[in-house]
Amino acid sequence: MADDPSAADRNVEIWKIKKLIKSLEAARGNGTSMISLIIPPKDQISRVAKMLADEFGTASNIKSRVNRLSVLGAITSVQQRLKLYNKELTTVRTLKIL
């Protein structure tokens, strides 16, 4: 069973996900200027873009000018990077914006 190619592929995927989680745990941002967006496979980019647009609207209500501009800038940056991807992802993607 350990020699099964699909089991080996699965083990590689599990290792990649564990490595990704460790790198996310180690990531540190300056205040509210960091966004980690994890997009599961087969998820539609348009759904994620809509979610970010909703978050942008919510962030517009932040009272502190410095925090508001920081959060809005980070969300805008993620939206711009999201445009680089196709309509559907085949693997887990993580976008880290600092």
PDB file of N, CA and C in Angstrom:
ATOM      1  N   MET A   1       0.825  -1.191   0.000  1.00  0.00           N
ATOM      2  CA  MET A   1       0.000   0.000   0.000  1.00  0.00           C
ATOM      3  C   MET A   1       0.870   1.257   0.000  1.00  0.00           C
ATOM      4  N   ALA A   2       2.038   1.178   0.641  1.00  0.00           N
ATOM      5  CA  ALA A   2       2.925   2.333   0.665  1.00  0.00           C
ATOM      6  C   ALA A   2       3.533   2.590  -0.714  1.00  0.00           C
ATOM      7  N   ASP A   3       3.567   1.541  -1.560  1.00  0.00           N
ATOM      8  CA  ASP A   3       4.117   1.695  -2.901  1.00  0.00           C
ATOM      9  C   ASP A   3       3.097   2.232  -3.891  1.00  0.00           C
ATOM     10  N   ASP A   4       1.873   2.391  -3.478  1.00  0.00           N
ATOM     11  CA  ASP A   4       0.804   2.891  -4.344  1.00  0.00           C
ATOM     12  C   ASP A   4       1.112   4.338  -4.741  1.00  0.00           C
ATOM     13  N   PRO A   5       1.133   4.640  -6.058  1.00  0.00           N
ATOM     14  CA  PRO A   5       1.447   6.016  -6.492  1.00  0.00           C
ATOM     15  C   PRO A   5       0.475   7.054  -5.947  1.00  0.00           C
ATOM     16  N   SER A   6      -0.790   6.694  -5.835  1.00  0.00           N
ATOM     17  CA  SER A   6      -1.752   7.670  -5.318  1.00  0.00           C
ATOM     18  C   SER A   6      -1.504   7.954  -3.842  1.00  0.00           C
ATOM     19  N   ALA A   7      -1.055   6.952  -3.100  1.00  0.00           N
ATOM     20  CA  ALA A   7      -0.730   7.167  -1.686  1.00  0.00           C
ATOM     21  C   ALA A   7       0.490   8.078  -1.565  1.00  0.00           C
ATOM     22  N   ALA A   8       1.449   7.893  -2.452  1.00  0.00           N
ATOM     23  CA  ALA A   8       2.639   8.746  -2.435  1.00  0.00           C
ATOM     24  C   ALA A   8       2.260  10.184  -2.770  1.00  0.00           C
ATOM     25  N   ASP A   9       1.392  10.357  -3.769  1.00  0.00           N
ATOM     26  CA  ASP A   9       0.932  11.704  -4.122  1.00  0.00           C
ATOM     27  C   ASP A   9       0.194  12.342  -2.957  1.00  0.00           C
ATOM     28  N   ARG A  10      -0.621  11.553  -2.288  1.00  0.00           N
ATOM     29  CA  ARG A  10      -1.377  12.066  -1.136  1.00  0.00           C
ATOM     30  C   ARG A  10      -0.424  12.489  -0.021  1.00  0.00           C
ATOM     31  N   ASN A  11       0.609  11.676   0.221  1.00  0.00           N
ATOM     32  CA  ASN A  11       1.586  12.016   1.255  1.00  0.00           C
ATOM     33  C   ASN A  11       2.325  13.305   0.913  1.00  0.00           C
ATOM     34  N   VAL A  12       2.635  13.496  -0.359  1.00  0.00           N
ATOM     35  CA  VAL A  12       3.302  14.729  -0.787  1.00  0.00           C
ATOM     36  C   VAL A  12       2.387  15.924  -0.558  1.00  0.00           C
ATOM     37  N   GLU A  13       1.103  15.784  -0.903  1.00  0.00           N
ATOM     38  CA  GLU A  13       0.142  16.876  -0.691  1.00  0.00           C
ATOM     39  C   GLU A  13      -0.001  17.200   0.793  1.00  0.00           C
ATOM     40  N   ILE A  14      -0.063  16.169   1.635  1.00  0.00           N
ATOM     41  CA  ILE A  14      -0.158  16.393   3.085  1.00  0.00           C
ATOM     42  C   ILE A  14       1.084  17.119   3.577  1.00  0.00           C
ATOM     43  N   TRP A  15       2.257  16.713   3.092  1.00  0.00           N
ATOM     44  CA  TRP A  15       3.495  17.374   3.496  1.00  0.00           C
ATOM     45  C   TRP A  15       3.493  18.846   3.077  1.00  0.00           C
ATOM     46  N   LYS A  16       3.017  19.123   1.840  1.00  0.00           N
ATOM     47  CA  LYS A  16       2.967  20.508   1.363  1.00  0.00           C
ATOM     48  C   LYS A  16       2.034  21.355   2.223  1.00  0.00           C
ATOM     49  N   ILE A  17       0.893  20.794   2.590  1.00  0.00           N
ATOM     50  CA  ILE A  17      -0.061  21.546   3.411  1.00  0.00           C
ATOM     51  C   ILE A  17       0.514  21.809   4.794  1.00  0.00           C
ATOM     52  N   LYS A  18       1.172  20.804   5.391  1.00  0.00           N
ATOM     53  CA  LYS A  18       1.792  21.003   6.707  1.00  0.00           C
ATOM     54  C   LYS A  18       2.881  22.076   6.637  1.00  0.00           C
ATOM     55  N   LYS A  19       3.672  22.047   5.566  1.00  0.00           N
ATOM     56  CA  LYS A  19       4.721  23.055   5.383  1.00  0.00           C
ATOM     57  C   LYS A  19       4.107  24.444   5.239  1.00  0.00           C
ATOM     58  N   LEU A  20       3.009  24.536   4.495  1.00  0.00           N
ATOM     59  CA  LEU A  20       2.309  25.805   4.310  1.00  0.00           C
ATOM     60  C   LEU A  20       1.780  26.335   5.641  1.00  0.00           C
ATOM     61  N   ILE A  21       1.195  25.463   6.439  1.00  0.00           N
ATOM     62  CA  ILE A  21       0.660  25.875   7.742  1.00  0.00           C
ATOM     63  C   ILE A  21       1.781  26.388   8.634  1.00  0.00           C
ATOM     64  N   LYS A  22       2.926  25.704   8.626  1.00  0.00           N
ATOM     65  CA  LYS A  22       4.056  26.172   9.444  1.00  0.00           C
ATOM     66  C   LYS A  22       4.550  27.539   8.984  1.00  0.00           C
ATOM     67  N   SER A  23       4.588  27.757   7.666  1.00  0.00           N
ATOM     68  CA  SER A  23       5.050  29.060   7.176  1.00  0.00           C
ATOM     69  C   SER A  23       4.046  30.157   7.527  1.00  0.00           C
ATOM     70  N   LEU A  24       2.756  29.825   7.516  1.00  0.00           N
ATOM     71  CA  LEU A  24       1.745  30.814   7.900  1.00  0.00           C
ATOM     72  C   LEU A  24       1.821  31.132   9.387  1.00  0.00           C
ATOM     73  N   GLU A  25       2.105  30.119  10.202  1.00  0.00           N
ATOM     74  CA  GLU A  25       2.244  30.360  11.640  1.00  0.00           C
ATOM     75  C   GLU A  25       3.437  31.260  11.930  1.00  0.00           C
ATOM     76  N   ALA A  26       4.485  31.130  11.130  1.00  0.00           N
ATOM     77  CA  ALA A  26       5.695  31.922  11.349  1.00  0.00           C
ATOM     78  C   ALA A  26       5.588  33.332  10.771  1.00  0.00           C
ATOM     79  N   ALA A  27       4.638  33.562   9.887  1.00  0.00           N
ATOM     80  CA  ALA A  27       4.512  34.874   9.240  1.00  0.00           C
ATOM     81  C   ALA A  27       4.020  35.916  10.234  1.00  0.00           C
ATOM     82  N   ARG A  28       4.629  37.057  10.183  1.00  0.00           N
ATOM     83  CA  ARG A  28       4.234  38.162  11.057  1.00  0.00           C
ATOM     84  C   ARG A  28       4.132  39.418  10.218  1.00  0.00           C
ATOM     85  N   GLY A  29       3.106  40.185  10.479  1.00  0.00           N
ATOM     86  CA  GLY A  29       2.912  41.430   9.751  1.00  0.00           C
ATOM     87  C   GLY A  29       2.985  42.618  10.684  1.00  0.00           C
ATOM     88  N   ASN A  30       2.993  43.779  10.101  1.00  0.00           N
ATOM     89  CA  ASN A  30       3.041  45.011  10.867  1.00  0.00           C
ATOM     90  C   ASN A  30       1.610  45.470  11.137  1.00  0.00           C
ATOM     91  N   GLY A  31       1.084  45.121  12.295  1.00  0.00           N
ATOM     92  CA  GLY A  31      -0.270  45.542  12.656  1.00  0.00           C
ATOM     93  C   GLY A  31      -1.323  44.885  11.790  1.00  0.00           C
ATOM     94  N   THR A  32      -2.146  45.708  11.144  1.00  0.00           N
ATOM     95  CA  THR A  32      -3.261  45.185  10.356  1.00  0.00           C
ATOM     96  C   THR A  32      -2.942  45.145   8.868  1.00  0.00           C
ATOM     97  N   SER A  33      -1.668  45.212   8.524  1.00  0.00           N
ATOM     98  CA  SER A  33      -1.322  45.299   7.107  1.00  0.00           C
ATOM     99  C   SER A  33      -1.047  43.944   6.472  1.00  0.00           C
ATOM    100  N   MET A  34      -1.326  42.843   7.167  1.00  0.00           N
ATOM    101  CA  MET A  34      -1.066  41.529   6.601  1.00  0.00           C
ATOM    102  C   MET A  34      -2.370  40.763   6.418  1.00  0.00           C
ATOM    103  N   ILE A  35      -2.524  40.179   5.246  1.00  0.00           N
ATOM    104  CA  ILE A  35      -3.694  39.350   4.953  1.00  0.00           C
ATOM    105  C   ILE A  35      -3.194  38.011   4.449  1.00  0.00           C
ATOM    106  N   SER A  36      -3.688  36.932   5.023  1.00  0.00           N
ATOM    107  CA  SER A  36      -3.445  35.591   4.493  1.00  0.00           C
ATOM    108  C   SER A  36      -4.763  35.097   3.941  1.00  0.00           C
ATOM    109  N   LEU A  37      -4.789  34.820   2.669  1.00  0.00           N
ATOM    110  CA  LEU A  37      -5.999  34.352   2.004  1.00  0.00           C
ATOM    111  C   LEU A  37      -5.724  32.956   1.480  1.00  0.00           C
ATOM    112  N   ILE A  38      -6.418  31.973   2.038  1.00  0.00           N
ATOM    113  CA  ILE A  38      -6.246  30.590   1.618  1.00  0.00           C
ATOM    114  C   ILE A  38      -7.446  30.221   0.762  1.00  0.00           C
ATOM    115  N   ILE A  39      -7.176  29.845  -0.471  1.00  0.00           N
ATOM    116  CA  ILE A  39      -8.239  29.505  -1.413  1.00  0.00           C
ATOM    117  C   ILE A  39      -8.198  28.000  -1.652  1.00  0.00           C
ATOM    118  N   PRO A  40      -9.255  27.282  -1.267  1.00  0.00           N
ATOM    119  CA  PRO A  40      -9.265  25.832  -1.479  1.00  0.00           C
ATOM    120  C   PRO A  40      -9.368  25.474  -2.961  1.00  0.00           C
ATOM    121  N   PRO A  41      -8.943  24.260  -3.315  1.00  0.00           N
ATOM    122  CA  PRO A  41      -9.053  23.850  -4.715  1.00  0.00           C
ATOM    123  C   PRO A  41     -10.503  23.844  -5.180  1.00  0.00           C
ATOM    124  N   LYS A  42     -10.685  24.089  -6.449  1.00  0.00           N
ATOM    125  CA  LYS A  42     -12.000  24.099  -7.110  1.00  0.00           C
ATOM    126  C   LYS A  42     -12.885  25.252  -6.662  1.00  0.00           C
ATOM    127  N   ASP A  43     -12.359  26.169  -5.872  1.00  0.00           N
ATOM    128  CA  ASP A  43     -13.141  27.332  -5.459  1.00  0.00           C
ATOM    129  C   ASP A  43     -13.079  28.377  -6.570  1.00  0.00           C
ATOM    130  N   GLN A  44     -14.173  29.052  -6.800  1.00  0.00           N
ATOM    131  CA  GLN A  44     -14.255  30.045  -7.863  1.00  0.00           C
ATOM    132  C   GLN A  44     -13.583  31.349  -7.429  1.00  0.00           C
ATOM    133  N   ILE A  45     -12.749  31.891  -8.300  1.00  0.00           N
ATOM    134  CA  ILE A  45     -12.067  33.152  -8.025  1.00  0.00           C
ATOM    135  C   ILE A  45     -13.091  34.275  -7.859  1.00  0.00           C
ATOM    136  N   SER A  46     -14.168  34.216  -8.619  1.00  0.00           N
ATOM    137  CA  SER A  46     -15.183  35.274  -8.536  1.00  0.00           C
ATOM    138  C   SER A  46     -15.826  35.325  -7.149  1.00  0.00           C
ATOM    139  N   ARG A  47     -15.999  34.163  -6.517  1.00  0.00           N
ATOM    140  CA  ARG A  47     -16.572  34.132  -5.168  1.00  0.00           C
ATOM    141  C   ARG A  47     -15.617  34.777  -4.166  1.00  0.00           C
ATOM    142  N   VAL A  48     -14.339  34.485  -4.313  1.00  0.00           N
ATOM    143  CA  VAL A  48     -13.333  35.065  -3.421  1.00  0.00           C
ATOM    144  C   VAL A  48     -13.243  36.572  -3.654  1.00  0.00           C
ATOM    145  N   ALA A  49     -13.313  37.002  -4.920  1.00  0.00           N
ATOM    146  CA  ALA A  49     -13.266  38.434  -5.239  1.00  0.00           C
ATOM    147  C   ALA A  49     -14.466  39.161  -4.637  1.00  0.00           C
ATOM    148  N   LYS A  50     -15.634  38.533  -4.669  1.00  0.00           N
ATOM    149  CA  LYS A  50     -16.824  39.140  -4.074  1.00  0.00           C
ATOM    150  C   LYS A  50     -16.665  39.256  -2.561  1.00  0.00           C
ATOM    151  N   MET A  51     -16.105  38.212  -1.945  1.00  0.00           N
ATOM    152  CA  MET A  51     -15.873  38.246  -0.505  1.00  0.00           C
ATOM    153  C   MET A  51     -14.927  39.400  -0.142  1.00  0.00           C
ATOM    154  N   LEU A  52     -13.884  39.590  -0.947  1.00  0.00           N
ATOM    155  CA  LEU A  52     -12.946  40.684  -0.693  1.00  0.00           C
ATOM    156  C   LEU A  52     -13.613  42.042  -0.887  1.00  0.00           C
ATOM    157  N   ALA A  53     -14.495  42.147  -1.877  1.00  0.00           N
ATOM    158  CA  ALA A  53     -15.221  43.405  -2.091  1.00  0.00           C
ATOM    159  C   ALA A  53     -16.120  43.705  -0.893  1.00  0.00           C
ATOM    160  N   ASP A  54     -16.752  42.670  -0.341  1.00  0.00           N
ATOM    161  CA  ASP A  54     -17.580  42.856   0.856  1.00  0.00           C
ATOM    162  C   ASP A  54     -16.725  43.302   2.045  1.00  0.00           C
ATOM    163  N   GLU A  55     -15.550  42.682   2.185  1.00  0.00           N
ATOM    164  CA  GLU A  55     -14.641  43.065   3.271  1.00  0.00           C
ATOM    165  C   GLU A  55     -14.149  44.499   3.086  1.00  0.00           C
ATOM    166  N   PHE A  56     -13.940  44.901   1.842  1.00  0.00           N
ATOM    167  CA  PHE A  56     -13.510  46.269   1.555  1.00  0.00           C
ATOM    168  C   PHE A  56     -14.575  47.252   2.038  1.00  0.00           C
ATOM    169  N   GLY A  57     -15.844  46.931   1.765  1.00  0.00           N
ATOM    170  CA  GLY A  57     -16.942  47.785   2.225  1.00  0.00           C
ATOM    171  C   GLY A  57     -17.014  47.851   3.734  1.00  0.00           C
ATOM    172  N   THR A  58     -16.805  46.715   4.379  1.00  0.00           N
ATOM    173  CA  THR A  58     -16.821  46.681   5.843  1.00  0.00           C
ATOM    174  C   THR A  58     -15.643  47.473   6.409  1.00  0.00           C
ATOM    175  N   ALA A  59     -14.475  47.326   5.790  1.00  0.00           N
ATOM    176  CA  ALA A  59     -13.282  48.023   6.273  1.00  0.00           C
ATOM    177  C   ALA A  59     -13.397  49.530   6.096  1.00  0.00           C
ATOM    178  N   SER A  60     -14.229  49.971   5.181  1.00  0.00           N
ATOM    179  CA  SER A  60     -14.422  51.411   4.976  1.00  0.00           C
ATOM    180  C   SER A  60     -15.038  52.079   6.199  1.00  0.00           C
ATOM    181  N   ASN A  61     -15.640  51.295   7.071  1.00  0.00           N
ATOM    182  CA  ASN A  61     -16.280  51.834   8.272  1.00  0.00           C
ATOM    183  C   ASN A  61     -15.351  51.906   9.478  1.00  0.00           C
ATOM    184  N   ILE A  62     -14.094  51.506   9.334  1.00  0.00           N
ATOM    185  CA  ILE A  62     -13.147  51.580  10.449  1.00  0.00           C
ATOM    186  C   ILE A  62     -12.908  53.047  10.786  1.00  0.00           C
ATOM    187  N   LYS A  63     -13.035  53.379  12.055  1.00  0.00           N
ATOM    188  CA  LYS A  63     -12.954  54.794  12.455  1.00  0.00           C
ATOM    189  C   LYS A  63     -11.535  55.347  12.416  1.00  0.00           C
ATOM    190  N   SER A  64     -10.571  54.554  12.840  1.00  0.00           N
ATOM    191  CA  SER A  64      -9.190  55.026  12.845  1.00  0.00           C
ATOM    192  C   SER A  64      -8.689  55.171  11.407  1.00  0.00           C
ATOM    193  N   ARG A  65      -8.270  56.367  11.053  1.00  0.00           N
ATOM    194  CA  ARG A  65      -7.833  56.644   9.689  1.00  0.00           C
ATOM    195  C   ARG A  65      -6.642  55.770   9.301  1.00  0.00           C
ATOM    196  N   VAL A  66      -5.668  55.646  10.193  1.00  0.00           N
ATOM    197  CA  VAL A  66      -4.457  54.880   9.900  1.00  0.00           C
ATOM    198  C   VAL A  66      -4.804  53.405   9.680  1.00  0.00           C
ATOM    199  N   ASN A  67      -5.601  52.839  10.585  1.00  0.00           N
ATOM    200  CA  ASN A  67      -5.986  51.434  10.437  1.00  0.00           C
ATOM    201  C   ASN A  67      -6.837  51.216   9.192  1.00  0.00           C
ATOM    202  N   ARG A  68      -7.775  52.127   8.943  1.00  0.00           N
ATOM    203  CA  ARG A  68      -8.654  52.001   7.779  1.00  0.00           C
ATOM    204  C   ARG A  68      -7.839  51.981   6.488  1.00  0.00           C
ATOM    205  N   LEU A  69      -6.918  52.936   6.344  1.00  0.00           N
ATOM    206  CA  LEU A  69      -6.109  53.004   5.127  1.00  0.00           C
ATOM    207  C   LEU A  69      -5.200  51.784   4.982  1.00  0.00           C
ATOM    208  N   SER A  70      -4.689  51.290   6.103  1.00  0.00           N
ATOM    209  CA  SER A  70      -3.838  50.106   6.076  1.00  0.00           C
ATOM    210  C   SER A  70      -4.617  48.876   5.617  1.00  0.00           C
ATOM    211  N   VAL A  71      -5.795  48.683   6.182  1.00  0.00           N
ATOM    212  CA  VAL A  71      -6.623  47.528   5.824  1.00  0.00           C
ATOM    213  C   VAL A  71      -7.101  47.642   4.380  1.00  0.00           C
ATOM    214  N   LEU A  72      -7.549  48.818   3.976  1.00  0.00           N
ATOM    215  CA  LEU A  72      -8.017  49.008   2.605  1.00  0.00           C
ATOM    216  C   LEU A  72      -6.888  48.781   1.598  1.00  0.00           C
ATOM    217  N   GLY A  73      -5.699  49.239   1.933  1.00  0.00           N
ATOM    218  CA  GLY A  73      -4.548  49.021   1.056  1.00  0.00           C
ATOM    219  C   GLY A  73      -4.203  47.542   0.924  1.00  0.00           C
ATOM    220  N   ALA A  74      -4.268  46.813   2.036  1.00  0.00           N
ATOM    221  CA  ALA A  74      -3.974  45.379   2.003  1.00  0.00           C
ATOM    222  C   ALA A  74      -5.024  44.630   1.185  1.00  0.00           C
ATOM    223  N   ILE A  75      -6.292  44.973   1.363  1.00  0.00           N
ATOM    224  CA  ILE A  75      -7.359  44.313   0.602  1.00  0.00           C
ATOM    225  C   ILE A  75      -7.218  44.620  -0.888  1.00  0.00           C
ATOM    226  N   THR A  76      -6.908  45.856  -1.221  1.00  0.00           N
ATOM    227  CA  THR A  76      -6.714  46.230  -2.624  1.00  0.00           C
ATOM    228  C   THR A  76      -5.557  45.446  -3.237  1.00  0.00           C
ATOM    229  N   SER A  77      -4.488  45.288  -2.474  1.00  0.00           N
ATOM    230  CA  SER A  77      -3.337  44.536  -2.959  1.00  0.00           C
ATOM    231  C   SER A  77      -3.708  43.080  -3.239  1.00  0.00           C
ATOM    232  N   VAL A  78      -4.484  42.473  -2.354  1.00  0.00           N
ATOM    233  CA  VAL A  78      -4.929  41.092  -2.564  1.00  0.00           C
ATOM    234  C   VAL A  78      -5.825  41.007  -3.795  1.00  0.00           C
ATOM    235  N   GLN A  79      -6.713  41.969  -3.956  1.00  0.00           N
ATOM    236  CA  GLN A  79      -7.601  41.969  -5.122  1.00  0.00           C
ATOM    237  C   GLN A  79      -6.799  42.040  -6.421  1.00  0.00           C
ATOM    238  N   GLN A  80      -5.742  42.845  -6.439  1.00  0.00           N
ATOM    239  CA  GLN A  80      -4.919  42.968  -7.637  1.00  0.00           C
ATOM    240  C   GLN A  80      -4.175  41.665  -7.934  1.00  0.00           C
ATOM    241  N   ARG A  81      -3.655  41.020  -6.888  1.00  0.00           N
ATOM    242  CA  ARG A  81      -2.935  39.761  -7.096  1.00  0.00           C
ATOM    243  C   ARG A  81      -3.878  38.639  -7.487  1.00  0.00           C
ATOM    244  N   LEU A  82      -5.105  38.711  -7.025  1.00  0.00           N
ATOM    245  CA  LEU A  82      -6.095  37.684  -7.349  1.00  0.00           C
ATOM    246  C   LEU A  82      -6.439  37.701  -8.835  1.00  0.00           C
ATOM    247  N   LYS A  83      -6.324  38.856  -9.461  1.00  0.00           N
ATOM    248  CA  LYS A  83      -6.633  38.979 -10.891  1.00  0.00           C
ATOM    249  C   LYS A  83      -5.640  38.205 -11.765  1.00  0.00           C
ATOM    250  N   LEU A  84      -4.509  37.822 -11.203  1.00  0.00           N
ATOM    251  CA  LEU A  84      -3.489  37.106 -11.963  1.00  0.00           C
ATOM    252  C   LEU A  84      -3.826  35.633 -12.166  1.00  0.00           C
ATOM    253  N   TYR A  85      -4.807  35.125 -11.427  1.00  0.00           N
ATOM    254  CA  TYR A  85      -5.144  33.709 -11.483  1.00  0.00           C
ATOM    255  C   TYR A  85      -6.326  33.458 -12.401  1.00  0.00           C
ATOM    256  N   ASN A  86      -6.429  32.208 -12.853  1.00  0.00           N
ATOM    257  CA  ASN A  86      -7.539  31.789 -13.706  1.00  0.00           C
ATOM    258  C   ASN A  86      -8.836  31.752 -12.901  1.00  0.00           C
ATOM    259  N   LYS A  87      -9.898  31.342 -13.553  1.00  0.00           N
ATOM    260  CA  LYS A  87     -11.218  31.322 -12.916  1.00  0.00           C
ATOM    261  C   LYS A  87     -11.318  30.281 -11.812  1.00  0.00           C
ATOM    262  N   GLU A  88     -10.608  29.164 -11.929  1.00  0.00           N
ATOM    263  CA  GLU A  88     -10.697  28.098 -10.938  1.00  0.00           C
ATOM    264  C   GLU A  88      -9.299  27.582 -10.645  1.00  0.00           C
ATOM    265  N   LEU A  89      -9.009  27.361  -9.383  1.00  0.00           N
ATOM    266  CA  LEU A  89      -7.701  26.857  -8.993  1.00  0.00           C
ATOM    267  C   LEU A  89      -7.767  25.345  -8.847  1.00  0.00           C
ATOM    268  N   THR A  90      -6.675  24.669  -9.179  1.00  0.00           N
ATOM    269  CA  THR A  90      -6.650  23.219  -9.045  1.00  0.00           C
ATOM    270  C   THR A  90      -5.921  22.782  -7.786  1.00  0.00           C
ATOM    271  N   THR A  91      -5.163  23.675  -7.165  1.00  0.00           N
ATOM    272  CA  THR A  91      -4.478  23.357  -5.917  1.00  0.00           C
ATOM    273  C   THR A  91      -4.761  24.454  -4.905  1.00  0.00           C
ATOM    274  N   VAL A  92      -4.421  24.177  -3.664  1.00  0.00           N
ATOM    275  CA  VAL A  92      -4.597  25.177  -2.614  1.00  0.00           C
ATOM    276  C   VAL A  92      -3.628  26.315  -2.872  1.00  0.00           C
ATOM    277  N   ARG A  93      -4.116  27.536  -2.808  1.00  0.00           N
ATOM    278  CA  ARG A  93      -3.292  28.723  -3.012  1.00  0.00           C
ATOM    279  C   ARG A  93      -3.339  29.576  -1.760  1.00  0.00           C
ATOM    280  N   THR A  94      -2.218  30.149  -1.429  1.00  0.00           N
ATOM    281  CA  THR A  94      -2.150  31.071  -0.316  1.00  0.00           C
ATOM    282  C   THR A  94      -1.529  32.362  -0.805  1.00  0.00           C
ATOM    283  N   LEU A  95      -2.216  33.455  -0.584  1.00  0.00           N
ATOM    284  CA  LEU A  95      -1.685  34.771  -0.914  1.00  0.00           C
ATOM    285  C   LEU A  95      -1.361  35.469   0.394  1.00  0.00           C
ATOM    286  N   LYS A  96      -0.102  35.821   0.576  1.00  0.00           N
ATOM    287  CA  LYS A  96       0.292  36.555   1.771  1.00  0.00           C
ATOM    288  C   LYS A  96       0.704  37.948   1.344  1.00  0.00           C
ATOM    289  N   ILE A  97       0.054  38.916   1.890  1.00  0.00           N
ATOM    290  CA  ILE A  97       0.352  40.308   1.573  1.00  0.00           C
ATOM    291  C   ILE A  97       0.871  40.967   2.839  1.00  0.00           C
ATOM    292  N   LEU A  98       2.057  41.502   2.766  1.00  0.00           N
ATOM    293  CA  LEU A  98       2.626  42.215   3.921  1.00  0.00           C
ATOM    294  C   LEU A  98       2.632  43.691   3.640  1.00  0.00           C
TER     295      LEU A  98
END
